[in-house]
Amino acid sequence: MGRCLVLPSLFGCLVSLPIAAQAVAQSPPRSLGNDIVTARSRLTPSQLAQVKTWVDWWSPGVDSGDPETVEKAREDALKPLTGLMVPSELFRFEYGRLALPHLKRGIASDTAHAAVNAMIVLPQLGTSAALYEILEHCDRDDDDRTHIRLRAAKGCKSMLERARDFSLEPKVVIRAVRELRESAKKEVECLILRHQFEAMAVVDDAKARDYLVDALEVVVERIDGEGRAPSELVEAVYLAIYRLSRRYVTLPSNEQDELGKRLGPVLGRVCKVARDHWEDAHGDPVAKQTYGGTIRVSEEFLKIIDSVLRDDRTAPRTQLKRHWDAADRPKFDTDRKRWSDILQKPPYRP
């Protein structure tokens, strides 16, 4: 009887040894210190080795099929980037250089959870290489996964908002907005398009605004030409117009002139779309409200632009939003035609 009890006891001791060894092997490395994360001079070979050890620690989990493992990898990847220490540009470069290949593997994963978590880490790297990788997933021609395109659009906005903190060069920022313009022209999902417009709008630069107007113009043309009513994309159009109107009033007069000449006809076409979608949009309470809000910001913006380009005394006192809410199509048509006649002439047309 005694020997029967001893044997399982001995066996238990034997199998516990490899388990204990495995636990030791999986102990996390020492967290990266202030001397590394905030370094203002080139990292030493020893410091670079510590950075690599940290990346090697979390990187195997980025494309795991286990959600908890994926989330732990994301948390560890973000620790040096989002803690109390402010990462230096030098550290971001070295850390991003080592981390990016693993994050790309996570993004390519067939598991949506793994791909999204890898995309969450990318913007925090704060490097131009990270931004370019995010842009690779903004366009529906390059990535047909809506959840990844949405995360990419959000990531672009996050990075462009912090462009100065990340020391991103102006040419990198403008390239990002230019690529977002091309993606927005083709996007069919309203929520993604909204975030693409948001990302473009955070950049306070004349060229960036031109790109945003380019994209807005094409989207409005698509809505007008597709014949599907009501269009969910009108909500994204509202956002772009609102952001541009807020920026417009802060611009110097020469920039107001150039931007106003381009935007006037686009805003007029938005009102035309509302008129063409009248019955379908009024038949849907949500669409009616969305279209009504878009008419309001378009009309208000038109009045501001026209008072700058021509004369405040000559801007028509239209009430398109009021007529929309009252479902009064004849009065809406009358006011819309007043704007249409104006927008067909200089300074809006040659």
Protein backbone atom coordinates (compact mmCIF):
# COMPACT_ATOMS: atom_id res chain seq x y z
CA MET A 1 0.00 0.00 0.00
CA GLY A 2 2.84 2.34 0.92
CA ARG A 3 4.66 1.82 -2.39
CA CYS A 4 1.47 2.47 -4.35
CA LEU A 5 1.22 5.89 -2.70
CA VAL A 6 4.89 6.71 -3.21
CA LEU A 7 4.92 6.08 -6.94
CA PRO A 8 2.33 8.77 -7.88
CA SER A 9 4.11 11.14 -5.50
CA LEU A 10 7.45 10.60 -7.20
CA PHE A 11 5.87 10.89 -10.64
CA GLY A 12 4.28 14.17 -9.63
CA CYS A 13 7.68 15.51 -8.61
CA LEU A 14 9.19 14.44 -11.88
CA VAL A 15 6.60 16.10 -14.12
CA SER A 16 6.62 19.26 -12.07
CA LEU A 17 10.19 20.01 -13.06
CA PRO A 18 9.58 20.81 -16.78
CA ILE A 19 6.48 22.82 -15.85
CA ALA A 20 8.50 24.91 -13.43
CA ALA A 21 11.23 25.36 -16.04
CA GLN A 22 8.64 26.49 -18.59
CA ALA A 23 7.25 29.05 -16.15
CA VAL A 24 10.74 30.45 -15.64
CA ALA A 25 11.34 30.55 -19.40
CA GLN A 26 8.15 32.51 -19.92
CA SER A 27 8.87 35.14 -17.30
CA PRO A 28 8.66 38.59 -18.93
CA PRO A 29 11.89 40.48 -19.47
CA ARG A 30 12.67 43.62 -17.54
CA SER A 31 10.61 46.59 -18.70
CA LEU A 32 12.45 49.13 -20.83
CA GLY A 33 13.86 51.87 -18.64
CA ASN A 34 13.76 55.64 -18.87
CA ASP A 35 17.32 55.70 -20.24
CA ILE A 36 16.10 53.76 -23.29
CA VAL A 37 12.57 55.07 -23.87
CA THR A 38 13.49 58.76 -23.56
CA ALA A 39 16.98 58.49 -25.09
CA ARG A 40 18.11 61.61 -26.94
CA SER A 41 21.24 60.05 -28.33
CA ARG A 42 21.89 56.88 -30.27
CA LEU A 43 21.05 53.71 -28.36
CA THR A 44 24.00 51.53 -27.38
CA PRO A 45 24.25 47.91 -28.54
CA SER A 46 23.26 46.81 -25.04
CA GLN A 47 20.18 49.07 -25.07
CA LEU A 48 19.19 47.89 -28.54
CA ALA A 49 19.47 44.31 -27.32
CA GLN A 50 17.04 45.11 -24.49
CA VAL A 51 14.59 46.61 -26.97
CA LYS A 52 14.83 43.53 -29.16
CA THR A 53 14.32 41.25 -26.15
CA TRP A 54 11.13 43.13 -25.29
CA VAL A 55 9.80 42.89 -28.85
CA ASP A 56 10.71 39.20 -28.99
CA TRP A 57 8.74 38.72 -25.78
CA TRP A 58 5.37 39.97 -27.05
CA SER A 59 5.61 39.46 -30.81
CA PRO A 60 4.74 35.71 -30.97
CA GLY A 61 1.27 36.51 -29.65
CA VAL A 62 0.20 39.04 -32.29
CA ASP A 63 -1.35 36.46 -34.60
CA SER A 64 -2.41 33.94 -31.98
CA GLY A 65 -5.79 32.32 -32.26
CA ASP A 66 -6.31 32.90 -28.55
CA PRO A 67 -7.94 36.29 -27.80
CA GLU A 68 -6.29 36.65 -24.38
CA THR A 69 -2.85 36.01 -25.85
CA VAL A 70 -3.47 38.57 -28.57
CA GLU A 71 -4.61 41.20 -26.07
CA LYS A 72 -1.63 40.52 -23.81
CA ALA A 73 0.69 40.98 -26.79
CA ARG A 74 -1.02 44.30 -27.59
CA GLU A 75 -0.70 45.50 -24.00
CA ASP A 76 2.98 44.63 -23.83
CA ALA A 77 3.66 46.18 -27.23
CA LEU A 78 2.09 49.45 -26.03
CA LYS A 79 3.78 49.61 -22.61
CA PRO A 80 6.88 51.54 -23.71
CA LEU A 81 4.75 53.86 -25.89
CA THR A 82 1.86 54.83 -23.63
CA GLY A 83 3.29 54.90 -20.11
CA LEU A 84 4.37 57.89 -18.03
CA MET A 85 7.61 58.22 -20.00
CA VAL A 86 7.47 60.24 -23.21
CA PRO A 87 9.19 58.18 -25.93
CA SER A 88 11.86 60.00 -27.88
CA GLU A 89 11.97 60.09 -31.64
CA LEU A 90 15.09 57.92 -31.57
CA PHE A 91 13.38 55.28 -29.47
CA ARG A 92 10.26 55.29 -31.63
CA PHE A 93 12.38 54.73 -34.70
CA GLU A 94 14.27 51.75 -33.24
CA TYR A 95 11.23 50.23 -31.55
CA GLY A 96 9.11 50.72 -34.65
CA ARG A 97 11.78 49.19 -36.86
CA LEU A 98 11.74 46.01 -34.79
CA ALA A 99 8.01 45.91 -34.08
CA LEU A 100 6.57 46.70 -37.51
CA PRO A 101 7.28 43.33 -39.22
CA HIS A 102 5.49 41.49 -36.40
CA LEU A 103 2.53 43.87 -36.45
CA LYS A 104 2.22 43.40 -40.20
CA ARG A 105 2.02 39.68 -39.56
CA GLY A 106 -0.78 40.30 -37.08
CA ILE A 107 -2.68 42.49 -39.54
CA ALA A 108 -2.42 39.78 -42.20
CA SER A 109 -3.93 37.25 -39.78
CA ASP A 110 -7.15 35.50 -40.76
CA THR A 111 -8.41 36.24 -37.26
CA ALA A 112 -10.20 39.59 -37.11
CA HIS A 113 -9.39 40.01 -33.42
CA ALA A 114 -5.65 39.66 -34.04
CA ALA A 115 -5.71 42.01 -37.04
CA VAL A 116 -7.61 44.75 -35.18
CA ASN A 117 -5.32 44.56 -32.15
CA ALA A 118 -2.24 44.90 -34.34
CA MET A 119 -3.84 47.93 -36.01
CA ILE A 120 -4.41 49.49 -32.58
CA VAL A 121 -0.68 49.39 -31.87
CA LEU A 122 0.48 50.82 -35.21
CA PRO A 123 -0.46 54.52 -34.69
CA GLN A 124 1.30 54.59 -31.33
CA LEU A 125 4.62 53.81 -32.99
CA GLY A 126 4.52 57.36 -34.33
CA THR A 127 6.82 56.77 -37.30
CA SER A 128 6.37 57.51 -40.97
CA ALA A 129 6.80 53.80 -41.72
CA ALA A 130 3.89 53.03 -39.39
CA LEU A 131 1.74 55.69 -41.05
CA TYR A 132 2.51 54.33 -44.50
CA GLU A 133 1.57 50.82 -43.34
CA ILE A 134 -1.76 52.11 -42.01
CA LEU A 135 -2.44 53.80 -45.33
CA GLU A 136 -1.96 50.45 -47.07
CA HIS A 137 -5.21 49.35 -45.41
CA CYS A 138 -7.35 52.44 -46.02
CA ASP A 139 -8.32 51.74 -49.60
CA ARG A 140 -11.04 49.21 -50.40
CA ASP A 141 -9.07 48.15 -53.48
CA ASP A 142 -6.22 47.08 -51.19
CA ASP A 143 -8.13 45.70 -48.20
CA ASP A 144 -11.71 44.48 -48.41
CA ARG A 145 -12.05 44.02 -44.63
CA THR A 146 -14.31 46.80 -43.40
CA HIS A 147 -13.19 46.47 -39.78
CA ILE A 148 -9.57 46.97 -40.82
CA ARG A 149 -10.31 49.93 -43.11
CA LEU A 150 -12.23 51.55 -40.25
CA ARG A 151 -9.34 51.01 -37.84
CA ALA A 152 -6.93 52.31 -40.48
CA ALA A 153 -8.94 55.52 -40.94
CA LYS A 154 -9.02 56.04 -37.17
CA GLY A 155 -5.30 55.33 -36.99
CA CYS A 156 -4.55 57.94 -39.66
CA LYS A 157 -6.55 60.55 -37.77
CA SER A 158 -4.73 59.72 -34.54
CA MET A 159 -1.31 60.04 -36.15
CA LEU A 160 -2.10 63.19 -38.14
CA GLU A 161 -3.46 64.88 -35.02
CA ARG A 162 -0.14 64.19 -33.32
CA ALA A 163 2.06 64.84 -36.33
CA ARG A 164 4.07 67.46 -34.46
CA ASP A 165 4.52 65.24 -31.40
CA PHE A 166 5.70 62.43 -33.64
CA SER A 167 8.00 64.77 -35.63
CA LEU A 168 6.40 63.70 -38.89
CA GLU A 169 7.72 65.75 -41.78
CA PRO A 170 5.23 67.96 -43.67
CA LYS A 171 5.79 65.99 -46.88
CA VAL A 172 4.85 62.79 -45.03
CA VAL A 173 1.66 64.39 -43.71
CA ILE A 174 0.64 65.72 -47.12
CA ARG A 175 1.33 62.36 -48.74
CA ALA A 176 -0.95 60.76 -46.16
CA VAL A 177 -3.78 63.20 -46.92
CA ARG A 178 -3.30 62.66 -50.65
CA GLU A 179 -3.63 58.89 -50.24
CA LEU A 180 -6.64 59.32 -47.98
CA ARG A 181 -8.22 61.42 -50.73
CA GLU A 182 -7.91 58.55 -53.18
CA SER A 183 -9.33 56.08 -50.66
CA ALA A 184 -12.26 58.36 -49.80
CA LYS A 185 -13.21 58.75 -53.45
CA LYS A 186 -14.00 55.03 -53.60
CA GLU A 187 -15.23 54.26 -50.09
CA VAL A 188 -18.75 52.88 -49.85
CA GLU A 189 -19.10 52.51 -46.08
CA CYS A 190 -20.36 55.68 -44.42
CA LEU A 191 -18.59 55.19 -41.09
CA ILE A 192 -15.24 54.59 -42.75
CA LEU A 193 -15.70 57.57 -45.04
CA ARG A 194 -16.54 59.77 -42.07
CA HIS A 195 -13.28 58.87 -40.37
CA GLN A 196 -11.32 59.35 -43.59
CA PHE A 197 -12.78 62.86 -43.92
CA GLU A 198 -12.03 63.50 -40.24
CA ALA A 199 -8.41 62.43 -40.71
CA MET A 200 -7.97 64.74 -43.68
CA ALA A 201 -9.64 67.66 -41.94
CA VAL A 202 -7.26 67.71 -38.96
CA VAL A 203 -4.40 68.87 -41.19
CA ASP A 204 -4.35 72.66 -41.33
CA ASP A 205 -2.74 73.16 -44.72
CA ALA A 206 -3.99 74.62 -48.00
CA LYS A 207 -2.94 71.59 -50.03
CA ALA A 208 -4.60 69.24 -47.55
CA ARG A 209 -7.84 71.24 -47.83
CA ASP A 210 -7.64 70.99 -51.61
CA TYR A 211 -7.37 67.22 -51.30
CA LEU A 212 -10.36 67.14 -48.95
CA VAL A 213 -12.43 69.19 -51.39
CA ASP A 214 -11.33 66.86 -54.22
CA ALA A 215 -12.60 63.86 -52.30
CA LEU A 216 -15.81 65.58 -51.24
CA GLU A 217 -16.57 66.62 -54.81
CA VAL A 218 -16.14 63.06 -56.12
CA VAL A 219 -18.26 61.56 -53.33
CA VAL A 220 -21.08 64.03 -54.02
CA GLU A 221 -20.85 63.22 -57.74
CA ARG A 222 -21.10 59.53 -56.92
CA ILE A 223 -24.16 60.03 -54.74
CA ASP A 224 -25.75 62.15 -57.45
CA GLY A 225 -24.97 59.68 -60.21
CA GLU A 226 -25.66 56.35 -58.53
CA GLY A 227 -29.38 56.97 -58.24
CA ARG A 228 -29.73 55.15 -54.92
CA ALA A 229 -31.80 57.10 -52.47
CA PRO A 230 -31.53 57.86 -49.69
CA SER A 231 -27.74 57.57 -49.52
CA GLU A 232 -26.03 56.80 -46.20
CA LEU A 233 -22.95 58.64 -47.46
CA VAL A 234 -24.75 61.95 -46.99
CA GLU A 235 -23.89 61.73 -43.30
CA ALA A 236 -20.18 61.70 -44.16
CA VAL A 237 -20.71 64.59 -46.57
CA TYR A 238 -22.26 66.58 -43.72
CA LEU A 239 -19.16 66.04 -41.60
CA ALA A 240 -16.75 67.15 -44.33
CA ILE A 241 -18.76 70.30 -45.05
CA TYR A 242 -18.99 71.14 -41.37
CA ARG A 243 -15.23 70.76 -40.83
CA LEU A 244 -14.44 72.86 -43.89
CA SER A 245 -16.86 75.60 -42.83
CA ARG A 246 -15.28 75.83 -39.38
CA ARG A 247 -11.84 76.18 -40.93
CA TYR A 248 -12.94 78.56 -43.68
CA VAL A 249 -13.80 81.43 -41.35
CA THR A 250 -10.25 81.38 -39.90
CA LEU A 251 -8.44 81.58 -43.24
CA PRO A 252 -6.83 84.69 -44.77
CA SER A 253 -8.90 86.32 -47.49
CA ASN A 254 -6.84 84.98 -50.43
CA GLU A 255 -7.32 81.40 -49.25
CA GLN A 256 -11.00 82.03 -48.61
CA ASP A 257 -11.39 83.21 -52.20
CA GLU A 258 -9.75 80.15 -53.72
CA LEU A 259 -11.49 77.66 -51.47
CA GLY A 260 -14.87 79.36 -51.84
CA LYS A 261 -14.75 79.26 -55.64
CA ARG A 262 -14.20 75.51 -55.52
CA LEU A 263 -16.66 74.71 -52.77
CA GLY A 264 -19.63 76.79 -53.95
CA PRO A 265 -20.61 74.49 -56.85
CA VAL A 266 -20.08 71.39 -54.67
CA LEU A 267 -22.46 72.75 -52.03
CA GLY A 268 -24.96 73.60 -54.74
CA ARG A 269 -24.82 70.02 -55.97
CA VAL A 270 -25.47 68.75 -52.45
CA CYS A 271 -28.74 70.71 -52.49
CA LYS A 272 -29.55 69.21 -55.89
CA VAL A 273 -29.03 65.71 -54.49
CA ALA A 274 -31.45 66.50 -51.67
CA ARG A 275 -34.03 67.65 -54.18
CA ASP A 276 -33.57 64.54 -56.35
CA HIS A 277 -33.85 62.25 -53.31
CA TRP A 278 -36.83 64.14 -51.93
CA GLU A 279 -39.45 61.40 -51.68
CA ASP A 280 -37.12 58.61 -50.52
CA ALA A 281 -35.39 60.78 -47.95
CA HIS A 282 -38.64 62.17 -46.57
CA GLY A 283 -39.96 58.63 -46.31
CA ASP A 284 -37.19 57.67 -43.90
CA PRO A 285 -37.12 59.63 -40.58
CA VAL A 286 -33.39 59.12 -40.08
CA ALA A 287 -32.55 60.07 -43.67
CA LYS A 288 -34.81 63.11 -43.49
CA GLN A 289 -32.92 64.37 -40.46
CA THR A 290 -29.52 63.60 -41.95
CA TYR A 291 -30.33 65.26 -45.26
CA GLY A 292 -31.85 68.21 -43.39
CA GLY A 293 -28.67 68.74 -41.39
CA THR A 294 -26.57 68.54 -44.53
CA ILE A 295 -28.82 71.08 -46.29
CA ARG A 296 -28.49 73.40 -43.30
CA VAL A 297 -24.67 73.39 -43.18
CA SER A 298 -24.49 73.65 -46.98
CA GLU A 299 -26.83 76.63 -47.15
CA GLU A 300 -25.18 78.43 -44.24
CA PHE A 301 -21.75 77.82 -45.75
CA LEU A 302 -22.93 79.05 -49.16
CA LYS A 303 -24.10 82.30 -47.60
CA ILE A 304 -20.73 82.82 -45.89
CA ILE A 305 -18.79 82.06 -49.08
CA ASP A 306 -21.00 84.27 -51.23
CA SER A 307 -20.70 87.19 -48.84
CA VAL A 308 -16.90 86.89 -49.15
CA LEU A 309 -16.70 86.38 -52.92
CA ARG A 310 -19.39 88.80 -53.98
CA ASP A 311 -21.16 91.02 -51.45
CA ASP A 312 -23.03 90.35 -48.27
CA ARG A 313 -25.89 92.47 -49.58
CA THR A 314 -26.30 90.30 -52.69
CA ALA A 315 -26.29 86.87 -51.01
CA PRO A 316 -29.79 85.40 -51.34
CA ARG A 317 -31.80 85.06 -48.15
CA THR A 318 -32.90 81.51 -48.85
CA GLN A 319 -34.49 79.09 -46.39
CA LEU A 320 -33.76 75.67 -47.83
CA LYS A 321 -33.66 73.89 -44.48
CA ARG A 322 -37.00 75.35 -43.43
CA HIS A 323 -38.63 74.26 -46.68
CA TRP A 324 -37.08 70.80 -46.34
CA ASP A 325 -38.48 70.34 -42.85
CA ALA A 326 -41.90 71.52 -44.01
CA ALA A 327 -41.73 69.18 -47.03
CA ASP A 328 -42.49 72.18 -49.22
CA ARG A 329 -40.89 71.17 -52.50
CA PRO A 330 -42.03 74.14 -54.62
CA LYS A 331 -40.46 76.67 -52.23
CA PHE A 332 -37.36 74.48 -51.90
CA ASP A 333 -37.03 74.40 -55.69
CA THR A 334 -37.40 78.16 -55.92
CA ASP A 335 -34.65 78.83 -53.39
CA ARG A 336 -32.38 76.16 -54.84
CA LYS A 337 -32.72 77.68 -58.30
CA ARG A 338 -31.63 81.04 -56.93
CA TRP A 339 -28.40 79.45 -55.79
CA SER A 340 -28.03 77.44 -58.97
CA ASP A 341 -28.21 80.60 -61.09
CA ILE A 342 -25.57 82.31 -58.95
CA LEU A 343 -23.22 79.31 -59.00
CA GLN A 344 -23.31 79.16 -62.80
CA LYS A 345 -21.69 82.59 -63.05
CA PRO A 346 -18.41 84.24 -62.01
CA PRO A 347 -16.69 84.06 -59.60
CA TYR A 348 -17.78 80.42 -59.32
CA ARG A 349 -17.53 79.73 -63.05
CA PRO A 350 -15.15 81.29 -65.58
